[in-house]
């Protein structure tokens, strides 16, 4: 099994803890200000990123197929 680079983060979702009650209002105001001032810039996918994503989908499909076959046997 390969090691995942640290830059990519975890592949499995982590459990999120609820925010503190006092911090909720402050976070919403800051988030609203940030979204108004700078729109998110979406860069077009490069070929290497598209190839990486396609390979990941193929690998995932094969892995799931193997799991289903193993359960049947």
PDB file of N, CA and C in Angstrom:
ATOM      1  N   UNK A   1       0.829  -1.174   0.000  1.00  0.00           N
ATOM      2  CA  UNK A   1       0.000   0.000   0.000  1.00  0.00           C
ATOM      3  C   UNK A   1       0.880   1.246   0.000  1.00  0.00           C
ATOM      4  N   UNK A   2       0.527   2.246  -0.784  1.00  0.00           N
ATOM      5  CA  UNK A   2       1.345   3.443  -0.878  1.00  0.00           C
ATOM      6  C   UNK A   2       1.060   4.423   0.243  1.00  0.00           C
ATOM      7  N   UNK A   3       2.019   5.266   0.453  1.00  0.00           N
ATOM      8  CA  UNK A   3       1.858   6.318   1.464  1.00  0.00           C
ATOM      9  C   UNK A   3       1.230   7.535   0.804  1.00  0.00           C
ATOM     10  N   UNK A   4       0.298   8.156   1.479  1.00  0.00           N
ATOM     11  CA  UNK A   4      -0.351   9.348   0.939  1.00  0.00           C
ATOM     12  C   UNK A   4       0.469  10.565   1.335  1.00  0.00           C
ATOM     13  N   UNK A   5       0.765  11.466   0.377  1.00  0.00           N
ATOM     14  CA  UNK A   5       1.535  12.660   0.719  1.00  0.00           C
ATOM     15  C   UNK A   5       0.805  13.510   1.759  1.00  0.00           C
ATOM     16  N   UNK A   6       1.567  14.169   2.607  1.00  0.00           N
ATOM     17  CA  UNK A   6       0.983  14.967   3.688  1.00  0.00           C
ATOM     18  C   UNK A   6       0.161  16.128   3.148  1.00  0.00           C
ATOM     19  N   UNK A   7       0.521  16.652   1.966  1.00  0.00           N
ATOM     20  CA  UNK A   7      -0.188  17.805   1.408  1.00  0.00           C
ATOM     21  C   UNK A   7      -1.634  17.462   1.067  1.00  0.00           C
ATOM     22  N   UNK A   8      -1.919  16.191   0.778  1.00  0.00           N
ATOM     23  CA  UNK A   8      -3.255  15.805   0.336  1.00  0.00           C
ATOM     24  C   UNK A   8      -4.239  15.637   1.480  1.00  0.00           C
ATOM     25  N   UNK A   9      -3.767  15.522   2.678  1.00  0.00           N
ATOM     26  CA  UNK A   9      -4.668  15.351   3.811  1.00  0.00           C
ATOM     27  C   UNK A   9      -5.193  13.931   3.887  1.00  0.00           C
ATOM     28  N   UNK A  10      -6.189  13.730   4.740  1.00  0.00           N
ATOM     29  CA  UNK A  10      -6.751  12.396   4.935  1.00  0.00           C
ATOM     30  C   UNK A  10      -7.764  12.083   3.849  1.00  0.00           C
ATOM     31  N   UNK A  11      -7.846  10.810   3.486  1.00  0.00           N
ATOM     32  CA  UNK A  11      -8.826  10.412   2.480  1.00  0.00           C
ATOM     33  C   UNK A  11     -10.179  10.101   3.123  1.00  0.00           C
ATOM     34  N   UNK A  12     -10.165   9.668   4.374  1.00  0.00           N
ATOM     35  CA  UNK A  12     -11.417   9.368   5.067  1.00  0.00           C
ATOM     36  C   UNK A  12     -11.893  10.623   5.796  1.00  0.00           C
ATOM     37  N   UNK A  13     -13.184  10.902   5.758  1.00  0.00           N
ATOM     38  CA  UNK A  13     -13.675  12.098   6.446  1.00  0.00           C
ATOM     39  C   UNK A  13     -13.518  11.966   7.960  1.00  0.00           C
ATOM     40  N   UNK A  14     -13.146  13.065   8.578  1.00  0.00           N
ATOM     41  CA  UNK A  14     -12.980  13.064  10.030  1.00  0.00           C
ATOM     42  C   UNK A  14     -14.258  13.567  10.685  1.00  0.00           C
ATOM     43  N   UNK A  15     -14.476  13.138  11.908  1.00  0.00           N
ATOM     44  CA  UNK A  15     -15.654  13.589  12.639  1.00  0.00           C
ATOM     45  C   UNK A  15     -15.433  15.038  13.057  1.00  0.00           C
ATOM     46  N   UNK A  16     -16.413  15.886  12.738  1.00  0.00           N
ATOM     47  CA  UNK A  16     -16.305  17.297  13.081  1.00  0.00           C
ATOM     48  C   UNK A  16     -16.981  17.538  14.426  1.00  0.00           C
ATOM     49  N   UNK A  17     -16.331  18.317  15.268  1.00  0.00           N
ATOM     50  CA  UNK A  17     -16.909  18.668  16.551  1.00  0.00           C
ATOM     51  C   UNK A  17     -17.773  19.910  16.376  1.00  0.00           C
ATOM     52  N   UNK A  18     -18.841  20.041  17.146  1.00  0.00           N
ATOM     53  CA  UNK A  18     -19.677  21.236  17.015  1.00  0.00           C
ATOM     54  C   UNK A  18     -18.907  22.469  17.472  1.00  0.00           C
ATOM     55  N   UNK A  19     -19.188  23.609  16.836  1.00  0.00           N
ATOM     56  CA  UNK A  19     -18.515  24.851  17.185  1.00  0.00           C
ATOM     57  C   UNK A  19     -19.040  25.362  18.519  1.00  0.00           C
ATOM     58  N   UNK A  20     -18.235  26.169  19.169  1.00  0.00           N
ATOM     59  CA  UNK A  20     -18.664  26.755  20.438  1.00  0.00           C
ATOM     60  C   UNK A  20     -19.796  27.741  20.165  1.00  0.00           C
ATOM     61  N   UNK A  21     -20.790  27.845  21.066  1.00  0.00           N
ATOM     62  CA  UNK A  21     -21.942  28.713  20.814  1.00  0.00           C
ATOM     63  C   UNK A  21     -21.571  30.165  20.547  1.00  0.00           C
ATOM     64  N   UNK A  22     -20.592  30.714  21.247  1.00  0.00           N
ATOM     65  CA  UNK A  22     -20.215  32.111  21.060  1.00  0.00           C
ATOM     66  C   UNK A  22     -19.514  32.354  19.741  1.00  0.00           C
ATOM     67  N   UNK A  23     -18.890  31.344  19.176  1.00  0.00           N
ATOM     68  CA  UNK A  23     -18.103  31.522  17.962  1.00  0.00           C
ATOM     69  C   UNK A  23     -18.945  31.443  16.697  1.00  0.00           C
ATOM     70  N   UNK A  24     -20.165  30.933  16.782  1.00  0.00           N
ATOM     71  CA  UNK A  24     -20.979  30.753  15.577  1.00  0.00           C
ATOM     72  C   UNK A  24     -21.278  32.065  14.880  1.00  0.00           C
ATOM     73  N   UNK A  25     -21.735  33.065  15.612  1.00  0.00           N
ATOM     74  CA  UNK A  25     -22.094  34.343  15.014  1.00  0.00           C
ATOM     75  C   UNK A  25     -20.899  35.029  14.382  1.00  0.00           C
ATOM     76  N   UNK A  26     -19.754  34.965  15.046  1.00  0.00           N
ATOM     77  CA  UNK A  26     -18.550  35.602  14.521  1.00  0.00           C
ATOM     78  C   UNK A  26     -18.101  34.940  13.233  1.00  0.00           C
ATOM     79  N   UNK A  27     -18.187  33.632  13.177  1.00  0.00           N
ATOM     80  CA  UNK A  27     -17.735  32.915  11.988  1.00  0.00           C
ATOM     81  C   UNK A  27     -18.618  33.243  10.790  1.00  0.00           C
ATOM     82  N   UNK A  28     -19.924  33.349  11.002  1.00  0.00           N
ATOM     83  CA  UNK A  28     -20.826  33.642   9.893  1.00  0.00           C
ATOM     84  C   UNK A  28     -20.550  35.019   9.316  1.00  0.00           C
ATOM     85  N   UNK A  29     -20.302  36.004  10.189  1.00  0.00           N
ATOM     86  CA  UNK A  29     -20.033  37.360   9.721  1.00  0.00           C
ATOM     87  C   UNK A  29     -18.743  37.403   8.921  1.00  0.00           C
ATOM     88  N   UNK A  30     -17.690  36.747   9.417  1.00  0.00           N
ATOM     89  CA  UNK A  30     -16.411  36.745   8.719  1.00  0.00           C
ATOM     90  C   UNK A  30     -16.531  36.030   7.381  1.00  0.00           C
ATOM     91  N   UNK A  31     -17.238  34.927   7.357  1.00  0.00           N
ATOM     92  CA  UNK A  31     -17.392  34.171   6.116  1.00  0.00           C
ATOM     93  C   UNK A  31     -18.166  34.985   5.090  1.00  0.00           C
ATOM     94  N   UNK A  32     -19.176  35.717   5.537  1.00  0.00           N
ATOM     95  CA  UNK A  32     -19.972  36.530   4.620  1.00  0.00           C
ATOM     96  C   UNK A  32     -19.127  37.654   4.032  1.00  0.00           C
ATOM     97  N   UNK A  33     -18.275  38.273   4.855  1.00  0.00           N
ATOM     98  CA  UNK A  33     -17.415  39.351   4.367  1.00  0.00           C
ATOM     99  C   UNK A  33     -16.416  38.822   3.348  1.00  0.00           C
ATOM    100  N   UNK A  34     -15.831  37.661   3.618  1.00  0.00           N
ATOM    101  CA  UNK A  34     -14.841  37.095   2.709  1.00  0.00           C
ATOM    102  C   UNK A  34     -15.471  36.727   1.371  1.00  0.00           C
ATOM    103  N   UNK A  35     -16.670  36.168   1.396  1.00  0.00           N
ATOM    104  CA  UNK A  35     -17.300  35.740   0.152  1.00  0.00           C
ATOM    105  C   UNK A  35     -17.694  36.939  -0.703  1.00  0.00           C
ATOM    106  N   UNK A  36     -18.042  38.060  -0.083  1.00  0.00           N
ATOM    107  CA  UNK A  36     -18.415  39.247  -0.845  1.00  0.00           C
ATOM    108  C   UNK A  36     -17.197  39.910  -1.475  1.00  0.00           C
ATOM    109  N   UNK A  37     -16.081  39.950  -0.753  1.00  0.00           N
ATOM    110  CA  UNK A  37     -14.922  40.690  -1.228  1.00  0.00           C
ATOM    111  C   UNK A  37     -14.166  39.957  -2.334  1.00  0.00           C
ATOM    112  N   UNK A  38     -13.980  38.646  -2.220  1.00  0.00           N
ATOM    113  CA  UNK A  38     -13.206  37.920  -3.223  1.00  0.00           C
ATOM    114  C   UNK A  38     -13.986  36.714  -3.718  1.00  0.00           C
ATOM    115  N   UNK A  39     -14.393  36.708  -4.981  1.00  0.00           N
ATOM    116  CA  UNK A  39     -15.069  35.524  -5.519  1.00  0.00           C
ATOM    117  C   UNK A  39     -14.060  34.396  -5.705  1.00  0.00           C
ATOM    118  N   UNK A  40     -14.464  33.155  -5.470  1.00  0.00           N
ATOM    119  CA  UNK A  40     -13.528  32.040  -5.633  1.00  0.00           C
ATOM    120  C   UNK A  40     -13.129  31.875  -7.097  1.00  0.00           C
ATOM    121  N   UNK A  41     -11.824  31.766  -7.324  1.00  0.00           N
ATOM    122  CA  UNK A  41     -11.318  31.597  -8.686  1.00  0.00           C
ATOM    123  C   UNK A  41     -11.154  30.112  -8.970  1.00  0.00           C
ATOM    124  N   UNK A  42     -11.810  29.635 -10.006  1.00  0.00           N
ATOM    125  CA  UNK A  42     -11.725  28.227 -10.367  1.00  0.00           C
ATOM    126  C   UNK A  42     -10.850  28.112 -11.607  1.00  0.00           C
ATOM    127  N   UNK A  43      -9.702  27.459 -11.438  1.00  0.00           N
ATOM    128  CA  UNK A  43      -8.775  27.296 -12.552  1.00  0.00           C
ATOM    129  C   UNK A  43      -9.189  26.085 -13.381  1.00  0.00           C
ATOM    130  N   UNK A  44      -8.960  26.125 -14.683  1.00  0.00           N
ATOM    131  CA  UNK A  44      -9.275  24.951 -15.508  1.00  0.00           C
ATOM    132  C   UNK A  44      -8.338  23.795 -15.160  1.00  0.00           C
ATOM    133  N   UNK A  45      -8.875  22.578 -15.226  1.00  0.00           N
ATOM    134  CA  UNK A  45      -8.076  21.406 -14.901  1.00  0.00           C
ATOM    135  C   UNK A  45      -7.022  21.169 -15.965  1.00  0.00           C
ATOM    136  N   UNK A  46      -5.828  20.858 -15.515  1.00  0.00           N
ATOM    137  CA  UNK A  46      -4.773  20.519 -16.460  1.00  0.00           C
ATOM    138  C   UNK A  46      -4.943  19.064 -16.872  1.00  0.00           C
ATOM    139  N   UNK A  47      -4.245  18.699 -17.923  1.00  0.00           N
ATOM    140  CA  UNK A  47      -4.344  17.325 -18.420  1.00  0.00           C
ATOM    141  C   UNK A  47      -3.869  16.327 -17.365  1.00  0.00           C
ATOM    142  N   UNK A  48      -2.780  16.659 -16.671  1.00  0.00           N
ATOM    143  CA  UNK A  48      -2.258  15.723 -15.668  1.00  0.00           C
ATOM    144  C   UNK A  48      -3.261  15.510 -14.540  1.00  0.00           C
ATOM    145  N   UNK A  49      -3.960  16.579 -14.130  1.00  0.00           N
ATOM    146  CA  UNK A  49      -4.969  16.430 -13.081  1.00  0.00           C
ATOM    147  C   UNK A  49      -6.142  15.589 -13.573  1.00  0.00           C
ATOM    148  N   UNK A  50      -6.533  15.787 -14.828  1.00  0.00           N
ATOM    149  CA  UNK A  50      -7.640  15.013 -15.390  1.00  0.00           C
ATOM    150  C   UNK A  50      -7.265  13.534 -15.482  1.00  0.00           C
ATOM    151  N   UNK A  51      -6.029  13.260 -15.893  1.00  0.00           N
ATOM    152  CA  UNK A  51      -5.564  11.871 -16.002  1.00  0.00           C
ATOM    153  C   UNK A  51      -5.522  11.228 -14.622  1.00  0.00           C
ATOM    154  N   UNK A  52      -5.028  11.972 -13.633  1.00  0.00           N
ATOM    155  CA  UNK A  52      -4.950  11.442 -12.269  1.00  0.00           C
ATOM    156  C   UNK A  52      -6.342  11.111 -11.741  1.00  0.00           C
ATOM    157  N   UNK A  53      -7.302  11.990 -11.988  1.00  0.00           N
ATOM    158  CA  UNK A  53      -8.671  11.750 -11.519  1.00  0.00           C
ATOM    159  C   UNK A  53      -9.288  10.548 -12.230  1.00  0.00           C
ATOM    160  N   UNK A  54      -9.033  10.424 -13.527  1.00  0.00           N
ATOM    161  CA  UNK A  54      -9.584   9.298 -14.282  1.00  0.00           C
ATOM    162  C   UNK A  54      -8.999   7.977 -13.784  1.00  0.00           C
ATOM    163  N   UNK A  55      -7.695   7.960 -13.550  1.00  0.00           N
ATOM    164  CA  UNK A  55      -7.063   6.737 -13.039  1.00  0.00           C
ATOM    165  C   UNK A  55      -7.607   6.374 -11.662  1.00  0.00           C
ATOM    166  N   UNK A  56      -7.848   7.388 -10.841  1.00  0.00           N
ATOM    167  CA  UNK A  56      -8.396   7.129  -9.506  1.00  0.00           C
ATOM    168  C   UNK A  56      -9.778   6.508  -9.608  1.00  0.00           C
ATOM    169  N   UNK A  57     -10.601   7.006 -10.540  1.00  0.00           N
ATOM    170  CA  UNK A  57     -11.943   6.431 -10.725  1.00  0.00           C
ATOM    171  C   UNK A  57     -11.851   4.987 -11.180  1.00  0.00           C
ATOM    172  N   UNK A  58     -10.962   4.709 -12.122  1.00  0.00           N
ATOM    173  CA  UNK A  58     -10.806   3.342 -12.637  1.00  0.00           C
ATOM    174  C   UNK A  58     -10.340   2.414 -11.520  1.00  0.00           C
ATOM    175  N   UNK A  59      -9.350   2.862 -10.749  1.00  0.00           N
ATOM    176  CA  UNK A  59      -8.831   2.049  -9.650  1.00  0.00           C
ATOM    177  C   UNK A  59      -9.913   1.778  -8.618  1.00  0.00           C
ATOM    178  N   UNK A  60     -10.701   2.797  -8.301  1.00  0.00           N
ATOM    179  CA  UNK A  60     -11.785   2.649  -7.330  1.00  0.00           C
ATOM    180  C   UNK A  60     -12.810   1.642  -7.822  1.00  0.00           C
ATOM    181  N   UNK A  61     -13.156   1.730  -9.121  1.00  0.00           N
ATOM    182  CA  UNK A  61     -14.124   0.787  -9.703  1.00  0.00           C
ATOM    183  C   UNK A  61     -13.621  -0.642  -9.598  1.00  0.00           C
ATOM    184  N   UNK A  62     -12.345  -0.849  -9.947  1.00  0.00           N
ATOM    185  CA  UNK A  62     -11.773  -2.199  -9.889  1.00  0.00           C
ATOM    186  C   UNK A  62     -11.770  -2.724  -8.462  1.00  0.00           C
ATOM    187  N   UNK A  63     -11.428  -1.852  -7.527  1.00  0.00           N
ATOM    188  CA  UNK A  63     -11.378  -2.257  -6.129  1.00  0.00           C
ATOM    189  C   UNK A  63     -12.758  -2.664  -5.625  1.00  0.00           C
ATOM    190  N   UNK A  64     -13.763  -1.877  -5.962  1.00  0.00           N
ATOM    191  CA  UNK A  64     -15.129  -2.206  -5.539  1.00  0.00           C
ATOM    192  C   UNK A  64     -15.607  -3.497  -6.183  1.00  0.00           C
ATOM    193  N   UNK A  65     -15.246  -3.710  -7.441  1.00  0.00           N
ATOM    194  CA  UNK A  65     -15.625  -4.947  -8.129  1.00  0.00           C
ATOM    195  C   UNK A  65     -14.984  -6.147  -7.438  1.00  0.00           C
ATOM    196  N   UNK A  66     -13.701  -6.009  -7.049  1.00  0.00           N
ATOM    197  CA  UNK A  66     -13.018  -7.094  -6.346  1.00  0.00           C
ATOM    198  C   UNK A  66     -13.695  -7.386  -5.007  1.00  0.00           C
ATOM    199  N   UNK A  67     -14.100  -6.325  -4.308  1.00  0.00           N
ATOM    200  CA  UNK A  67     -14.772  -6.522  -3.023  1.00  0.00           C
ATOM    201  C   UNK A  67     -16.091  -7.263  -3.199  1.00  0.00           C
ATOM    202  N   UNK A  68     -16.863  -6.884  -4.213  1.00  0.00           N
ATOM    203  CA  UNK A  68     -18.143  -7.563  -4.457  1.00  0.00           C
ATOM    204  C   UNK A  68     -17.926  -9.025  -4.811  1.00  0.00           C
ATOM    205  N   UNK A  69     -16.930  -9.285  -5.656  1.00  0.00           N
ATOM    206  CA  UNK A  69     -16.637 -10.671  -6.035  1.00  0.00           C
ATOM    207  C   UNK A  69     -16.199 -11.488  -4.821  1.00  0.00           C
ATOM    208  N   UNK A  70     -15.422 -10.878  -3.933  1.00  0.00           N
ATOM    209  CA  UNK A  70     -14.951 -11.582  -2.741  1.00  0.00           C
ATOM    210  C   UNK A  70     -16.118 -11.910  -1.809  1.00  0.00           C
ATOM    211  N   UNK A  71     -17.107 -11.025  -1.737  1.00  0.00           N
ATOM    212  CA  UNK A  71     -18.265 -11.277  -0.879  1.00  0.00           C
ATOM    213  C   UNK A  71     -19.133 -12.399  -1.439  1.00  0.00           C
ATOM    214  N   UNK A  72     -19.208 -12.495  -2.764  1.00  0.00           N
ATOM    215  CA  UNK A  72     -20.011 -13.548  -3.390  1.00  0.00           C
ATOM    216  C   UNK A  72     -19.405 -14.921  -3.139  1.00  0.00           C
ATOM    217  N   UNK A  73     -18.080 -14.986  -3.162  1.00  0.00           N
ATOM    218  CA  UNK A  73     -17.393 -16.281  -3.022  1.00  0.00           C
ATOM    219  C   UNK A  73     -17.410 -16.800  -1.610  1.00  0.00           C
TER     220      UNK A  73
END
